[in-house]
C-alpha atoms as a PDB file:
ATOM      1  CA  MET A   1      19.599  36.501 -97.735  1.00  0.00           C
ATOM      2  CA  THR A   2      17.258  33.834 -98.859  1.00  0.00           C
ATOM      3  CA  ASP A   3      13.504  33.963 -98.544  1.00  0.00           C
ATOM      4  CA  LYS A   4      13.631  31.020 -96.066  1.00  0.00           C
ATOM      5  CA  THR A   5      15.991  32.882 -93.727  1.00  0.00           C
ATOM      6  CA  GLU A   6      13.887  35.992 -93.839  1.00  0.00           C
ATOM      7  CA  LYS A   7      10.758  34.008 -93.069  1.00  0.00           C
ATOM      8  CA  THR A   8      12.416  32.370 -90.074  1.00  0.00           C
ATOM      9  CA  ARG A   9      13.397  35.749 -88.663  1.00  0.00           C
ATOM     10  CA  GLU A  10       9.860  37.040 -89.061  1.00  0.00           C
ATOM     11  CA  ILE A  11       8.415  34.053 -87.205  1.00  0.00           C
ATOM     12  CA  GLN A  12      10.916  34.471 -84.358  1.00  0.00           C
ATOM     13  CA  ALA A  13      10.114  38.161 -84.107  1.00  0.00           C
ATOM     14  CA  GLU A  14       6.383  37.461 -83.981  1.00  0.00           C
ATOM     15  CA  THR A  15       6.557  34.663 -81.380  1.00  0.00           C
ATOM     16  CA  ALA A  16       9.038  36.405 -79.014  1.00  0.00           C
ATOM     17  CA  PRO A  17       6.403  38.664 -77.299  1.00  0.00           C
ATOM     18  CA  GLU A  18       4.022  35.685 -76.964  1.00  0.00           C
ATOM     19  CA  LYS A  19       6.721  33.588 -75.217  1.00  0.00           C
ATOM     20  CA  THR A  20       7.577  36.464 -72.934  1.00  0.00           C
ATOM     21  CA  VAL A  21       3.900  36.853 -71.965  1.00  0.00           C
ATOM     22  CA  LYS A  22       3.558  33.127 -71.338  1.00  0.00           C
ATOM     23  CA  LYS A  23       6.742  33.132 -69.264  1.00  0.00           C
ATOM     24  CA  ALA A  24       5.519  36.066 -67.264  1.00  0.00           C
ATOM     25  CA  ALA A  25       2.158  34.378 -66.766  1.00  0.00           C
ATOM     26  CA  LYS A  26       3.856  31.209 -65.549  1.00  0.00           C
ATOM     27  CA  GLY A  27       5.973  33.246 -63.142  1.00  0.00           C
ATOM     28  CA  ALA A  28       2.913  35.003 -61.779  1.00  0.00           C
ATOM     29  CA  ALA A  29       1.097  31.701 -61.330  1.00  0.00           C
ATOM     30  CA  ALA A  30       4.110  30.267 -59.528  1.00  0.00           C
ATOM     31  CA  ASP A  31       4.270  33.309 -57.261  1.00  0.00           C
ATOM     32  CA  GLN A  32       0.543  32.983 -56.519  1.00  0.00           C
ATOM     33  CA  THR A  33       0.885  29.244 -55.765  1.00  0.00           C
ATOM     34  CA  GLU A  34       3.830  29.929 -53.473  1.00  0.00           C
ATOM     35  CA  SER A  35       1.870  32.655 -51.734  1.00  0.00           C
ATOM     36  CA  ARG A  36      -1.098  30.333 -51.191  1.00  0.00           C
ATOM     37  CA  ALA A  37       1.222  27.592 -49.893  1.00  0.00           C
ATOM     38  CA  GLY A  38       2.757  30.079 -47.501  1.00  0.00           C
ATOM     39  CA  LYS A  39      -0.662  31.124 -46.244  1.00  0.00           C
ATOM     40  CA  ALA A  40      -1.726  27.485 -45.921  1.00  0.00           C
ATOM     41  CA  GLY A  41       1.462  26.723 -43.980  1.00  0.00           C
ATOM     42  CA  LYS A  42       0.844  29.617 -41.634  1.00  0.00           C
ATOM     43  CA  THR A  43      -2.771  28.547 -41.204  1.00  0.00           C
ATOM     44  CA  GLY A  44      -1.675  24.956 -40.448  1.00  0.00           C
ATOM     45  CA  LYS A  45       0.818  26.204 -37.909  1.00  0.00           C
ATOM     46  CA  ALA A  46      -1.840  28.380 -36.343  1.00  0.00           C
ATOM     47  CA  VAL A  47      -4.241  25.430 -36.108  1.00  0.00           C
ATOM     48  CA  LYS A  48      -1.536  23.230 -34.634  1.00  0.00           C
ATOM     49  CA  SER A  49      -0.618  25.978 -32.197  1.00  0.00           C
ATOM     50  CA  THR A  50      -4.268  26.357 -31.188  1.00  0.00           C
ATOM     51  CA  LYS A  51      -4.663  22.594 -30.707  1.00  0.00           C
ATOM     52  CA  ALA A  52      -1.436  22.418 -28.710  1.00  0.00           C
ATOM     53  CA  GLY A  53      -2.577  25.320 -26.563  1.00  0.00           C
ATOM     54  CA  SER A  54      -5.945  23.654 -26.017  1.00  0.00           C
ATOM     55  CA  ALA A  55      -4.292  20.353 -25.080  1.00  0.00           C
ATOM     56  CA  GLU A  56      -1.918  22.109 -22.706  1.00  0.00           C
ATOM     57  CA  LYS A  57      -4.840  23.978 -21.161  1.00  0.00           C
ATOM     58  CA  LYS A  58      -6.743  20.713 -20.652  1.00  0.00           C
ATOM     59  CA  LYS A  59      -3.617  19.141 -19.182  1.00  0.00           C
ATOM     60  CA  LYS A  60      -3.186  22.009 -16.747  1.00  0.00           C
ATOM     61  CA  THR A  61      -6.885  21.948 -15.899  1.00  0.00           C
ATOM     62  CA  GLY A  62      -6.683  18.195 -15.221  1.00  0.00           C
ATOM     63  CA  LYS A  63      -3.669  18.667 -12.995  1.00  0.00           C
ATOM     64  CA  ALA A  64      -5.375  21.505 -11.195  1.00  0.00           C
ATOM     65  CA  GLY A  65      -8.418  19.324 -10.614  1.00  0.00           C
ATOM     66  CA  ARG A  66      -6.369  16.473  -9.225  1.00  0.00           C
ATOM     67  CA  SER A  67      -4.304  18.898  -7.170  1.00  0.00           C
ATOM     68  CA  ALA A  68      -7.483  20.403  -5.726  1.00  0.00           C
ATOM     69  CA  LYS A  69      -8.750  16.908  -4.894  1.00  0.00           C
ATOM     70  CA  LYS A  70      -5.498  16.096  -3.134  1.00  0.00           C
ATOM     71  CA  THR A  71      -5.565  19.368  -1.251  1.00  0.00           C
ATOM     72  CA  VAL A  72      -9.036  18.580   0.080  1.00  0.00           C
ATOM     73  CA  THR A  73      -7.838  15.165   1.240  1.00  0.00           C
ATOM     74  CA  GLU A  74      -4.738  16.584   2.851  1.00  0.00           C
ATOM     75  CA  LYS A  75      -6.816  19.142   4.738  1.00  0.00           C
ATOM     76  CA  MET A  76      -8.492  16.294   6.611  1.00  0.00           C
ATOM     77  CA  THR A  77      -6.901  15.820  10.008  1.00  0.00           C
ATOM     78  CA  ILE A  78      -6.194  12.331  11.331  1.00  0.00           C
ATOM     79  CA  GLU A  79      -9.103  12.785  13.737  1.00  0.00           C
ATOM     80  CA  GLU A  80     -11.416  13.571  10.805  1.00  0.00           C
ATOM     81  CA  ARG A  81     -10.137  10.523   8.941  1.00  0.00           C
ATOM     82  CA  LEU A  82     -10.814   8.326  11.929  1.00  0.00           C
ATOM     83  CA  GLN A  83     -14.364   9.647  12.269  1.00  0.00           C
ATOM     84  CA  GLY A  84     -15.007   8.092   8.868  1.00  0.00           C
ATOM     85  CA  ILE A  85     -12.680   5.079   9.087  1.00  0.00           C
ATOM     86  CA  LEU A  86     -13.578   3.523  12.457  1.00  0.00           C
ATOM     87  CA  PRO A  87     -17.367   3.210  11.949  1.00  0.00           C
ATOM     88  CA  LEU A  88     -16.752   1.586   8.562  1.00  0.00           C
ATOM     89  CA  LEU A  89     -14.275  -0.878  10.054  1.00  0.00           C
ATOM     90  CA  ASP A  90     -16.712  -1.679  12.864  1.00  0.00           C
ATOM     91  CA  ALA A  91     -19.539  -2.264  10.398  1.00  0.00           C
ATOM     92  CA  ARG A  92     -17.412  -4.477   8.154  1.00  0.00           C
ATOM     93  CA  TYR A  93     -15.512  -6.573  10.692  1.00  0.00           C
ATOM     94  CA  GLY A  94     -17.467  -6.200  13.921  1.00  0.00           C
ATOM     95  CA  THR A  95     -16.407  -5.139  17.406  1.00  0.00           C
ATOM     96  CA  ASP A  96     -16.377  -8.490  19.220  1.00  0.00           C
ATOM     97  CA  LEU A  97     -12.884  -9.214  20.501  1.00  0.00           C
ATOM     98  CA  LYS A  98     -11.334 -12.374  19.111  1.00  0.00           C
ATOM     99  CA  THR A  99      -8.002 -13.935  18.333  1.00  0.00           C
ATOM    100  CA  TYR A 100      -7.086 -15.922  15.252  1.00  0.00           C
ATOM    101  CA  LEU A 101      -4.816 -18.218  17.268  1.00  0.00           C
ATOM    102  CA  HIS A 102      -6.381 -21.241  18.947  1.00  0.00           C
ATOM    103  CA  TYR A 103      -5.689 -21.900  22.634  1.00  0.00           C
ATOM    104  CA  ASN A 104      -7.275 -23.266  25.802  1.00  0.00           C
ATOM    105  CA  LYS A 105      -8.487 -20.293  27.843  1.00  0.00           C
ATOM    106  CA  GLU A 106      -7.859 -22.274  31.005  1.00  0.00           C
ATOM    107  CA  LYS A 107      -4.210 -22.414  29.950  1.00  0.00           C
ATOM    108  CA  PRO A 108      -3.506 -18.847  28.773  1.00  0.00           C
ATOM    109  CA  TRP A 109       0.217 -19.576  28.425  1.00  0.00           C
ATOM    110  CA  GLN A 110      -0.785 -21.455  25.271  1.00  0.00           C
ATOM    111  CA  LEU A 111      -1.678 -18.143  23.643  1.00  0.00           C
ATOM    112  CA  LEU A 112       1.756 -16.824  24.586  1.00  0.00           C
ATOM    113  CA  PHE A 113       3.449 -19.840  23.010  1.00  0.00           C
ATOM    114  CA  SER A 114       1.255 -19.693  19.891  1.00  0.00           C
ATOM    115  CA  THR A 115       2.131 -16.024  19.436  1.00  0.00           C
ATOM    116  CA  ILE A 116       5.843 -16.804  19.736  1.00  0.00           C
ATOM    117  CA  LEU A 117       5.391 -19.396  16.979  1.00  0.00           C
ATOM    118  CA  SER A 118       3.463 -16.926  14.792  1.00  0.00           C
ATOM    119  CA  ALA A 119       6.528 -14.780  14.048  1.00  0.00           C
ATOM    120  CA  GLN A 120       7.018 -14.868  10.263  1.00  0.00           C
ATOM    121  CA  CYS A 121       4.352 -17.565  10.037  1.00  0.00           C
ATOM    122  CA  THR A 122       0.635 -17.615   9.276  1.00  0.00           C
ATOM    123  CA  ASP A 123      -1.904 -18.123  12.038  1.00  0.00           C
ATOM    124  CA  ALA A 124      -3.347 -21.029  10.074  1.00  0.00           C
ATOM    125  CA  ARG A 125      -0.011 -22.841  10.063  1.00  0.00           C
ATOM    126  CA  VAL A 126       0.513 -22.163  13.782  1.00  0.00           C
ATOM    127  CA  ASN A 127      -2.934 -23.578  14.576  1.00  0.00           C
ATOM    128  CA  MET A 128      -2.090 -26.730  12.621  1.00  0.00           C
ATOM    129  CA  VAL A 129       1.144 -27.177  14.578  1.00  0.00           C
ATOM    130  CA  THR A 130      -0.230 -26.381  18.058  1.00  0.00           C
ATOM    131  CA  LYS A 131      -3.138 -28.778  17.590  1.00  0.00           C
ATOM    132  CA  ASP A 132      -0.672 -31.630  18.081  1.00  0.00           C
ATOM    133  CA  LEU A 133       1.939 -29.699  20.064  1.00  0.00           C
ATOM    134  CA  PHE A 134      -0.370 -28.930  22.997  1.00  0.00           C
ATOM    135  CA  VAL A 135      -1.393 -32.587  23.131  1.00  0.00           C
ATOM    136  CA  LYS A 136       2.210 -33.756  23.219  1.00  0.00           C
ATOM    137  CA  TYR A 137       3.159 -31.092  25.772  1.00  0.00           C
ATOM    138  CA  PRO A 138      -0.038 -30.464  27.774  1.00  0.00           C
ATOM    139  CA  GLU A 139       1.569 -28.598  30.715  1.00  0.00           C
ATOM    140  CA  LEU A 140       4.256 -25.978  31.220  1.00  0.00           C
ATOM    141  CA  GLU A 141       6.378 -28.604  32.950  1.00  0.00           C
ATOM    142  CA  ASP A 142       6.341 -30.673  29.767  1.00  0.00           C
ATOM    143  CA  PHE A 143       7.683 -27.752  27.742  1.00  0.00           C
ATOM    144  CA  ALA A 144      10.247 -26.879  30.408  1.00  0.00           C
ATOM    145  CA  LYS A 145      11.875 -30.328  30.277  1.00  0.00           C
ATOM    146  CA  ALA A 146      11.446 -30.934  26.549  1.00  0.00           C
ATOM    147  CA  ASP A 147      14.395 -32.018  24.402  1.00  0.00           C
ATOM    148  CA  LEU A 148      15.527 -29.115  22.231  1.00  0.00           C
ATOM    149  CA  ARG A 149      16.135 -31.192  19.094  1.00  0.00           C
ATOM    150  CA  GLU A 150      12.783 -32.897  19.379  1.00  0.00           C
ATOM    151  CA  MET A 151      11.037 -29.571  19.948  1.00  0.00           C
ATOM    152  CA  GLU A 152      12.693 -28.196  16.826  1.00  0.00           C
ATOM    153  CA  GLU A 153      11.280 -31.077  14.819  1.00  0.00           C
ATOM    154  CA  ASP A 154       7.821 -30.575  16.322  1.00  0.00           C
ATOM    155  CA  ILE A 155       7.641 -26.911  15.270  1.00  0.00           C
ATOM    156  CA  HIS A 156       9.833 -27.122  12.152  1.00  0.00           C
ATOM    157  CA  SER A 157       7.121 -26.019   9.699  1.00  0.00           C
ATOM    158  CA  THR A 158       6.610 -22.645  11.455  1.00  0.00           C
ATOM    159  CA  GLY A 159      10.077 -21.482  10.400  1.00  0.00           C
ATOM    160  CA  PHE A 160      12.956 -20.145  12.536  1.00  0.00           C
ATOM    161  CA  TYR A 161      12.497 -23.306  14.556  1.00  0.00           C
ATOM    162  CA  HIS A 162      15.934 -23.189  16.261  1.00  0.00           C
ATOM    163  CA  HIS A 163      15.210 -19.855  17.914  1.00  0.00           C
ATOM    164  CA  LYS A 164      11.536 -20.598  18.561  1.00  0.00           C
ATOM    165  CA  ALA A 165      12.270 -23.955  20.227  1.00  0.00           C
ATOM    166  CA  LYS A 166      14.723 -22.276  22.623  1.00  0.00           C
ATOM    167  CA  SER A 167      12.169 -19.540  23.332  1.00  0.00           C
ATOM    168  CA  LEU A 168       9.361 -21.981  24.155  1.00  0.00           C
ATOM    169  CA  ILE A 169      11.491 -24.072  26.493  1.00  0.00           C
ATOM    170  CA  GLY A 170      13.089 -20.981  28.069  1.00  0.00           C
ATOM    171  CA  ALA A 171       9.749 -19.201  28.558  1.00  0.00           C
ATOM    172  CA  ALA A 172       8.249 -22.283  30.208  1.00  0.00           C
ATOM    173  CA  GLN A 173      11.204 -22.564  32.589  1.00  0.00           C
ATOM    174  CA  LYS A 174      11.081 -18.860  33.518  1.00  0.00           C
ATOM    175  CA  LEU A 175       7.308 -18.892  34.074  1.00  0.00           C
ATOM    176  CA  LEU A 176       7.725 -21.808  36.471  1.00  0.00           C
ATOM    177  CA  SER A 177      10.745 -20.420  38.306  1.00  0.00           C
ATOM    178  CA  ASP A 178       9.855 -16.718  38.486  1.00  0.00           C
ATOM    179  CA  TYR A 179       6.049 -16.552  38.259  1.00  0.00           C
ATOM    180  CA  ASP A 180       4.879 -19.819  39.819  1.00  0.00           C
ATOM    181  CA  GLY A 181       3.560 -21.014  36.462  1.00  0.00           C
ATOM    182  CA  GLN A 182       1.292 -17.982  36.023  1.00  0.00           C
ATOM    183  CA  LEU A 183       1.345 -15.446  33.207  1.00  0.00           C
ATOM    184  CA  PRO A 184       2.388 -11.971  34.353  1.00  0.00           C
ATOM    185  CA  SER A 185       0.268  -9.077  33.082  1.00  0.00           C
ATOM    186  CA  SER A 186       2.729  -6.191  32.856  1.00  0.00           C
ATOM    187  CA  ILE A 187       4.552  -5.350  29.652  1.00  0.00           C
ATOM    188  CA  GLU A 188       7.870  -5.336  31.530  1.00  0.00           C
ATOM    189  CA  ASP A 189       7.432  -8.825  32.995  1.00  0.00           C
ATOM    190  CA  LEU A 190       6.119 -10.316  29.775  1.00  0.00           C
ATOM    191  CA  THR A 191       8.966  -8.930  27.668  1.00  0.00           C
ATOM    192  CA  SER A 192      11.459 -10.396  30.163  1.00  0.00           C
ATOM    193  CA  LEU A 193      10.464 -13.865  28.947  1.00  0.00           C
ATOM    194  CA  PRO A 194      12.596 -15.473  26.194  1.00  0.00           C
ATOM    195  CA  GLY A 195      11.231 -14.792  22.703  1.00  0.00           C
ATOM    196  CA  VAL A 196       8.664 -12.228  23.867  1.00  0.00           C
ATOM    197  CA  GLY A 197       8.639  -8.724  22.394  1.00  0.00           C
ATOM    198  CA  ARG A 198       6.085  -5.939  22.639  1.00  0.00           C
ATOM    199  CA  LYS A 199       3.814  -7.427  19.974  1.00  0.00           C
ATOM    200  CA  THR A 200       3.577 -10.802  21.715  1.00  0.00           C
ATOM    201  CA  ALA A 201       3.201  -9.164  25.123  1.00  0.00           C
ATOM    202  CA  ASN A 202       0.371  -6.938  23.882  1.00  0.00           C
ATOM    203  CA  VAL A 203      -1.459  -9.918  22.395  1.00  0.00           C
ATOM    204  CA  VAL A 204      -1.464 -11.531  25.830  1.00  0.00           C
ATOM    205  CA  ARG A 205      -2.347  -8.324  27.667  1.00  0.00           C
ATOM    206  CA  GLY A 206      -5.287  -7.611  25.394  1.00  0.00           C
ATOM    207  CA  ASN A 207      -6.740 -11.092  24.974  1.00  0.00           C
ATOM    208  CA  VAL A 208      -5.959 -12.686  28.344  1.00  0.00           C
ATOM    209  CA  PHE A 209      -6.123  -9.724  30.720  1.00  0.00           C
ATOM    210  CA  GLY A 210      -8.390  -7.391  28.769  1.00  0.00           C
ATOM    211  CA  GLN A 211      -5.887  -4.559  29.054  1.00  0.00           C
ATOM    212  CA  ALA A 212      -6.232  -2.018  26.271  1.00  0.00           C
ATOM    213  CA  SER A 213      -3.135  -2.399  24.133  1.00  0.00           C
ATOM    214  CA  ILE A 214      -2.191  -2.097  20.481  1.00  0.00           C
ATOM    215  CA  VAL A 215      -0.659  -5.023  18.637  1.00  0.00           C
ATOM    216  CA  VAL A 216       1.291  -3.968  15.553  1.00  0.00           C
ATOM    217  CA  ASP A 217       1.885  -6.854  13.176  1.00  0.00           C
ATOM    218  CA  THR A 218       2.734  -6.660   9.482  1.00  0.00           C
ATOM    219  CA  HIS A 219      -0.910  -6.093   8.471  1.00  0.00           C
ATOM    220  CA  VAL A 220      -1.585  -3.336  11.010  1.00  0.00           C
ATOM    221  CA  LYS A 221       1.671  -1.579  10.147  1.00  0.00           C
ATOM    222  CA  ARG A 222       0.846  -1.630   6.420  1.00  0.00           C
ATOM    223  CA  VAL A 223      -2.822  -0.662   6.733  1.00  0.00           C
ATOM    224  CA  THR A 224      -2.369   2.205   9.200  1.00  0.00           C
ATOM    225  CA  ASN A 225       0.502   3.622   7.167  1.00  0.00           C
ATOM    226  CA  ARG A 226      -1.501   3.568   3.937  1.00  0.00           C
ATOM    227  CA  LEU A 227      -4.475   5.155   5.659  1.00  0.00           C
ATOM    228  CA  GLY A 228      -2.206   7.966   6.833  1.00  0.00           C
ATOM    229  CA  LEU A 229      -2.541   7.269  10.569  1.00  0.00           C
ATOM    230  CA  THR A 230       1.247   7.028  10.920  1.00  0.00           C
ATOM    231  CA  ASP A 231       4.363   7.738   8.879  1.00  0.00           C
ATOM    232  CA  GLN A 232       6.499   5.294  10.834  1.00  0.00           C
ATOM    233  CA  THR A 233       7.687   1.882   9.677  1.00  0.00           C
ATOM    234  CA  ASP A 234       9.195   0.620  12.931  1.00  0.00           C
ATOM    235  CA  PRO A 235       6.470  -1.409  14.739  1.00  0.00           C
ATOM    236  CA  VAL A 236       7.180   0.124  18.151  1.00  0.00           C
ATOM    237  CA  LYS A 237       6.981   3.675  16.760  1.00  0.00           C
ATOM    238  CA  VAL A 238       3.785   2.776  14.895  1.00  0.00           C
ATOM    239  CA  GLU A 239       2.344   1.439  18.157  1.00  0.00           C
ATOM    240  CA  PHE A 240       3.002   4.689  20.018  1.00  0.00           C
ATOM    241  CA  ASP A 241       1.683   6.793  17.113  1.00  0.00           C
ATOM    242  CA  LEU A 242      -1.568   4.807  17.229  1.00  0.00           C
ATOM    243  CA  TYR A 243      -1.874   5.282  20.996  1.00  0.00           C
ATOM    244  CA  GLU A 244      -1.869   9.006  20.307  1.00  0.00           C
ATOM    245  CA  VAL A 245      -4.591   9.054  17.659  1.00  0.00           C
ATOM    246  CA  LEU A 246      -6.889   6.067  18.296  1.00  0.00           C
ATOM    247  CA  PRO A 247      -9.628   6.106  20.941  1.00  0.00           C
ATOM    248  CA  GLU A 248      -8.907   3.558  23.670  1.00  0.00           C
ATOM    249  CA  ASP A 249     -11.923   1.423  22.767  1.00  0.00           C
ATOM    250  CA  HIS A 250     -10.200   0.650  19.456  1.00  0.00           C
ATOM    251  CA  TRP A 251      -6.733  -0.148  20.769  1.00  0.00           C
ATOM    252  CA  ILE A 252      -7.359  -3.891  20.742  1.00  0.00           C
ATOM    253  CA  LEU A 253      -9.814  -3.803  17.844  1.00  0.00           C
ATOM    254  CA  ILE A 254      -7.380  -2.161  15.434  1.00  0.00           C
ATOM    255  CA  ASN A 255      -5.345  -5.353  15.400  1.00  0.00           C
ATOM    256  CA  GLN A 256      -8.113  -7.755  14.439  1.00  0.00           C
ATOM    257  CA  GLN A 257      -9.707  -5.244  12.068  1.00  0.00           C
ATOM    258  CA  GLY A 258      -6.325  -4.375  10.532  1.00  0.00           C
ATOM    259  CA  ILE A 259      -5.533  -8.057  10.035  1.00  0.00           C
ATOM    260  CA  ALA A 260      -8.912  -8.663   8.404  1.00  0.00           C
ATOM    261  CA  LEU A 261      -8.571  -5.662   6.074  1.00  0.00           C
ATOM    262  CA  GLY A 262      -4.965  -6.525   5.240  1.00  0.00           C
ATOM    263  CA  ARG A 263      -5.850 -10.096   4.328  1.00  0.00           C
ATOM    264  CA  GLU A 264      -8.995  -9.278   2.371  1.00  0.00           C
ATOM    265  CA  ILE A 265      -8.223  -6.050   0.523  1.00  0.00           C
ATOM    266  CA  CYS A 266      -5.171  -4.041   1.599  1.00  0.00           C
ATOM    267  CA  LYS A 267      -2.695  -6.671   0.499  1.00  0.00           C
ATOM    268  CA  ALA A 268       1.025  -6.388   0.010  1.00  0.00           C
ATOM    269  CA  PRO A 269       2.468  -5.514  -2.377  1.00  0.00           C
ATOM    270  CA  LYS A 270      -0.626  -4.606  -4.421  1.00  0.00           C
ATOM    271  CA  PRO A 271      -3.796  -3.569  -2.595  1.00  0.00           C
ATOM    272  CA  ARG A 272      -7.240  -4.060  -4.149  1.00  0.00           C
ATOM    273  CA  CYS A 273      -8.207  -0.389  -3.982  1.00  0.00           C
ATOM    274  CA  GLY A 274     -11.118  -0.913  -6.378  1.00  0.00           C
ATOM    275  CA  GLU A 275     -12.802  -3.124  -3.767  1.00  0.00           C
ATOM    276  CA  CYS A 276     -11.981  -0.973  -0.732  1.00  0.00           C
ATOM    277  CA  PHE A 277     -14.605   0.828   1.354  1.00  0.00           C
ATOM    278  CA  LEU A 278     -12.106   3.307   2.824  1.00  0.00           C
ATOM    279  CA  THR A 279     -10.779   5.052  -0.305  1.00  0.00           C
ATOM    280  CA  GLU A 280     -12.432   8.342   0.660  1.00  0.00           C
ATOM    281  CA  TYR A 281     -10.170   8.522   3.706  1.00  0.00           C
ATOM    282  CA  CYS A 282      -7.100   6.688   2.406  1.00  0.00           C
ATOM    283  CA  ARG A 283      -3.919   8.670   1.826  1.00  0.00           C
ATOM    284  CA  TYR A 284      -2.354   5.913  -0.268  1.00  0.00           C
ATOM    285  CA  TYR A 285      -5.358   5.751  -2.628  1.00  0.00           C
ATOM    286  CA  GLN A 286      -5.580   9.533  -3.023  1.00  0.00           C
ATOM    287  CA  ASN A 287      -1.861   9.740  -3.828  1.00  0.00           C
ATOM    288  CA  GLN A 288      -2.259   6.992  -6.428  1.00  0.00           C
ATOM    289  CA  GLU A 289      -5.091   8.973  -8.033  1.00  0.00           C
ATOM    290  CA  GLU A 290      -2.863  12.060  -8.121  1.00  0.00           C
ATOM    291  CA  ASP A 291      -0.157  10.165  -9.994  1.00  0.00           C
ATOM    292  CA  VAL A 292      -2.549   8.936 -12.713  1.00  0.00           C
END
């Protein structure tokens, strides 16, 4: 064996323990790093778990708060709601009886005819039409003998003019033949006239005869339902629900106040709840808050 080979073997023998130590040291360091990573991972998971738990707790607390708020609102009876609602409506819109339709009080049948025309039409449009209509046809007799086609043209802009023209002419003829040209005051007699339903009849009864009655139009139906005064959508059922809960001195007022509120704030389809003065008592608003 040469001296070179012997020397190589000696070097290998000397460096073998050193390599083993280094390898062992590297293994230990790797184990320590892995251990630390494991601990860090567990710590991260613990932190995430804590944060998630905290978020869930806040979420539950928020829901509980909103649920409690809703429960308080739901505990209010309709009578308690009205104790808050009616004074606010009175203060905002007044208590003087009025109608938005223009007519000659010496010819109360004009209010009947204007109300017939107001179906699916704005009061403003009806007033524009009747301004000329009541000049062209100043008396019931003029309506009774009017030409149907011509009448349709006269009221065309109010919509549903075929049906409305027949109703006006028919109502005029029946008032002259059955009631001597005078408006009847009972709901039964009024609704016997062509084109006259409960809403129209109640407008006449309240404004002409001063009889306490509730007129349910689209605004009143929407407003009273949102306030939680009724769950009905049929106008007649809404009317009878309101008779049950409203004091009689607000039977006529609820119509003009409901119209005013519906036009100003409680609009369809999107009410301006941020501007409303009745949110404290409003079922619709409280339910919207619950859903947020």
